[in-house]
Structure formats: structure tokens, C-alpha cells
Protein backbone atom coordinates (compact mmCIF):
# COMPACT_ATOMS: atom_id res chain seq x y z
CA MET A 1 0.06 0.01 -0.02
CA HIS A 2 1.31 3.53 -0.81
CA SER A 3 2.78 5.28 2.11
CA TYR A 4 2.36 9.06 3.03
CA LEU A 5 5.61 9.38 5.11
CA GLU A 6 8.21 6.58 6.32
CA THR A 7 10.09 7.03 9.37
CA GLY A 8 12.85 4.73 10.83
CA ARG A 9 10.01 2.46 12.46
CA LEU A 10 7.03 3.72 10.95
CA THR A 11 4.95 4.11 7.50
CA LEU A 12 1.98 6.30 7.43
CA ARG A 13 -0.27 5.71 5.09
CA ARG A 14 -3.78 6.45 4.26
CA PHE A 15 -6.83 4.76 5.66
CA THR A 16 -8.82 1.99 3.71
CA GLU A 17 -12.20 0.15 4.73
CA ALA A 18 -9.62 -2.78 5.64
CA ASP A 19 -8.70 -0.71 8.79
CA ALA A 20 -12.05 -1.30 10.42
CA ASP A 21 -11.11 -4.10 12.96
CA ASP A 22 -7.97 -2.22 13.92
CA LEU A 23 -9.93 1.00 14.32
CA VAL A 24 -12.58 -0.56 16.35
CA GLU A 25 -10.05 -2.48 18.63
CA LEU A 26 -8.19 0.93 19.20
CA HIS A 27 -11.30 3.27 19.60
CA ASN A 28 -12.54 0.57 22.16
CA ASP A 29 -9.83 0.47 24.57
CA PRO A 30 -10.58 2.34 27.54
CA ASP A 31 -7.13 3.30 28.31
CA VAL A 32 -6.51 4.92 25.00
CA MET A 33 -9.96 6.55 24.98
CA ARG A 34 -9.46 8.10 28.83
CA TYR A 35 -8.70 11.47 27.91
CA LEU A 36 -11.09 11.56 25.00
CA ASN A 37 -14.34 10.18 25.97
CA GLY A 38 -13.64 9.01 29.56
CA GLY A 39 -12.80 5.40 28.18
CA LYS A 40 -16.34 4.73 26.77
CA ALA A 41 -16.71 2.27 24.13
CA THR A 42 -17.54 3.27 20.83
CA PRO A 43 -20.02 1.00 18.77
CA ARG A 44 -18.69 -0.57 15.77
CA GLU A 45 -21.60 0.66 13.54
CA VAL A 46 -20.49 4.34 14.48
CA ILE A 47 -16.88 3.61 13.73
CA VAL A 48 -17.59 2.00 10.58
CA GLY A 49 -20.28 4.37 9.36
CA GLU A 50 -18.79 7.84 10.64
CA THR A 51 -15.42 7.83 11.86
CA LEU A 52 -13.74 5.36 8.99
CA PRO A 53 -15.27 7.34 6.24
CA ALA A 54 -13.97 10.54 7.90
CA PHE A 55 -10.29 8.72 8.11
CA ILE A 56 -10.55 7.76 4.37
CA ARG A 57 -11.64 11.18 3.12
CA GLY A 58 -8.38 12.55 4.09
CA GLY A 59 -5.66 13.84 6.88
CA PHE A 60 -5.59 11.03 9.24
CA PHE A 61 -3.06 8.20 8.56
CA ALA A 62 -2.80 4.66 9.83
CA ALA A 63 0.51 3.82 11.74
CA ILE A 64 2.15 0.90 11.00
CA GLU A 65 5.25 -0.85 12.48
CA ARG A 66 7.78 -1.17 9.60
CA GLU A 67 9.42 -4.25 10.76
CA THR A 68 6.26 -6.25 11.73
CA GLY A 69 3.45 -4.75 9.70
CA GLU A 70 1.77 -4.09 12.83
CA PHE A 71 -1.27 -1.42 13.01
CA LEU A 72 -0.16 0.69 16.28
CA GLY A 73 -2.74 3.57 15.83
CA TRP A 74 -3.12 6.66 13.92
CA PHE A 75 -2.01 10.06 13.43
CA HIS A 76 -3.37 13.21 11.79
CA LEU A 77 -2.37 16.52 10.42
CA ARG A 78 -5.22 18.45 9.01
CA ALA A 79 -6.58 21.94 9.25
CA PRO A 80 -9.49 21.82 11.55
CA LYS A 81 -13.04 22.46 10.39
CA GLY A 82 -12.92 26.27 9.47
CA GLY A 83 -9.47 26.95 10.14
CA ALA A 84 -6.62 28.29 8.20
CA GLU A 85 -4.96 25.16 5.99
CA ASP A 86 -1.52 27.01 6.70
CA GLU A 87 -2.28 26.06 10.38
CA PRO A 88 -2.81 22.25 10.60
CA GLU A 89 -3.74 20.64 13.63
CA LEU A 90 -1.57 17.29 14.70
CA GLY A 91 -2.99 14.30 16.63
CA TYR A 92 -2.13 11.12 17.17
CA ARG A 93 -3.96 7.74 18.99
CA LEU A 94 -1.83 4.97 19.46
CA ARG A 95 -2.50 1.54 20.98
CA LYS A 96 -1.41 0.77 24.60
CA SER A 97 1.20 -1.46 23.70
CA SER A 98 3.02 1.16 21.85
CA TRP A 99 3.20 3.91 24.46
CA GLY A 100 6.60 4.67 25.96
CA LYS A 101 8.56 3.56 22.95
CA GLY A 102 9.06 6.93 21.23
CA TYR A 103 6.38 6.25 18.39
CA ALA A 104 4.25 9.36 18.69
CA THR A 105 7.12 11.49 18.97
CA GLU A 106 8.63 9.82 15.76
CA GLY A 107 5.41 10.01 13.86
CA SER A 108 4.76 13.42 15.06
CA LEU A 109 8.30 14.92 14.39
CA ALA A 110 8.12 13.44 10.61
CA LEU A 111 4.91 15.02 10.23
CA ILE A 112 5.94 18.17 11.49
CA ASP A 113 8.68 18.28 8.93
CA LYS A 114 6.63 17.41 6.30
CA ALA A 115 3.93 20.51 7.07
CA PHE A 116 6.95 23.05 7.09
CA GLY A 117 9.10 21.68 4.61
CA GLU A 118 6.36 20.52 1.87
CA LEU A 119 2.90 21.75 2.71
CA GLY A 120 3.60 25.31 3.59
CA ALA A 121 2.47 25.53 7.05
CA ARG A 122 3.18 28.58 9.11
CA ARG A 123 2.14 27.25 12.31
CA VAL A 124 1.37 23.52 13.55
CA PHE A 125 -0.81 23.41 16.79
CA ALA A 126 -1.58 20.47 18.90
CA GLN A 127 -4.40 20.17 22.00
CA THR A 128 -5.06 17.57 24.78
CA MET A 129 -6.56 17.41 28.04
CA SER A 130 -4.45 19.23 30.81
CA VAL A 131 -4.34 16.51 32.89
CA ASN A 132 -2.49 14.25 29.64
CA ARG A 133 1.00 14.30 30.71
CA GLY A 134 2.18 11.81 28.55
CA SER A 135 0.53 13.64 25.11
CA ARG A 136 1.94 17.00 26.65
CA ARG A 137 5.55 15.49 27.29
CA VAL A 138 5.26 14.32 23.35
CA MET A 139 4.13 17.95 22.05
CA GLU A 140 7.14 19.17 24.34
CA LYS A 141 9.72 16.73 22.52
CA CYS A 142 8.68 17.76 19.43
CA GLY A 143 9.33 21.50 20.08
CA LEU A 144 5.98 22.69 20.23
CA ARG A 145 5.37 25.23 22.99
CA PHE A 146 2.38 25.86 25.23
CA VAL A 147 0.09 28.26 24.24
CA ARG A 148 -2.88 28.45 26.37
CA THR A 149 -4.97 26.64 28.84
CA PHE A 150 -8.91 27.01 27.48
CA PHE A 151 -12.15 25.53 28.81
CA ALA A 152 -14.16 23.43 26.23
CA ASP A 153 -17.93 22.77 26.33
CA TRP A 154 -18.13 19.16 26.26
CA PRO A 155 -21.55 17.32 26.15
CA ASP A 156 -19.94 14.73 28.94
CA VAL A 157 -17.65 15.66 31.91
CA ILE A 158 -14.93 12.95 32.13
CA ASP A 159 -12.26 12.73 35.01
CA GLY A 160 -9.70 15.85 34.69
CA SER A 161 -11.63 18.35 32.62
CA ASP A 162 -12.45 20.77 35.23
CA GLN A 163 -8.60 21.41 34.62
CA GLY A 164 -9.38 22.20 31.33
CA GLU A 165 -7.32 21.69 27.81
CA VAL A 166 -4.14 22.91 26.62
CA GLU A 167 -2.85 24.07 23.05
CA TYR A 168 0.72 23.67 22.04
CA GLU A 169 2.14 25.35 18.68
CA LEU A 170 5.20 25.44 16.61
CA LEU A 171 5.84 28.41 14.27
CA ARG A 172 7.42 28.03 11.19
CA PRO A 173 10.65 30.61 11.96
CA ASP A 174 11.18 28.13 15.31
CA TRP A 175 10.85 25.13 13.15
CA ALA A 176 13.51 26.60 10.62
CA THR A 177 15.80 27.12 13.77
CA GLN A 178 15.09 23.60 15.43
CA ALA A 179 15.87 22.07 11.59
CA LYS A 180 19.07 23.60 11.69
CA ARG A 181 20.68 21.96 14.69
């Protein structure tokens, strides 16, 4: 299958309908979904009928371990709805078995380089719950800097949401300086 991007250990490729089972498994792991929906299960019909078609339309990439061919999760790099095309949002969701191995940082760094080096981005940003220390650490390792804490109006209150969401960003001049190192 055609890859969008490759790193030392990862292939990031477009999603296909064949990824349904892996996506269902990922989106139904309570630990993976803890900071997204409080760990609630997502019905298969929602993933197959809504989530996967949206992923196939673009901006989302299946993360495959190059050595084994194993599905590890996904990354996204896309302008948010109504947002500027030159300010894509970076996101990632990986299987728990992949945590702590540097995959999130590796894939994120490659997408950041692609955003600035090939896609003409002027800013890349990422958001997570304030209490999601793991995701925040990935953002910091990738050179993104804390911008703000904000409070979103979510339909369901989940543990830690009272501390808000955080946004991190990397601007083109800062990326260029980092890339020279």
C-alpha cells in the first residue's frame, strides 16, 4: 500500500476500509480513550459508518510498524474545520502496547517536518486535556510550546476536564531554527 510518509520505524499511510477492525479495537480501549471520552466504548457501527469514512477522506494516517506490519494507531495532520489551511492540527492515537516507545514523537516529528518543509505551514498546533501528561510530553519533545489553557464545552464531563484543555504550537521560524540543529 502507498505510504504517505516513512520514518525509521513507522509507515504512515492512508486509511482503507480494511482498517475497520483495527480502528474498532483502538477506539474501544478504555485506557486509549481515557482523555477523549472518559474511556467509553464506541459502537462498531459508529466507527465503520462515521469515523472510518472521515479518516479515509483525508488528513488521517494509519501508523504501521515497518518491521512487523502491525497497526499501532493513527496520526492526523489537517486544518481543523473552519481553520486556516496553513495552520494544521497535529494529533495521534496509539495502542497502549505502543506507549512509551517513542512512536508518538517519531511520527509527530515527521509530520511536523512535512507540514513546514513540503506543505507550506506557518504554524502547527496540538491540543489535549491539561491532565494528559503523556501527550503533553510528546508535544514538548517535538518542539511545540505551550500557548494557552482553555475550557471547552463538552457534552460529557470526564475525569480531569475541570482542569481544562491545553494548546501547544510550533511556528515556522522556530521550526527552521530547530531544523538547523
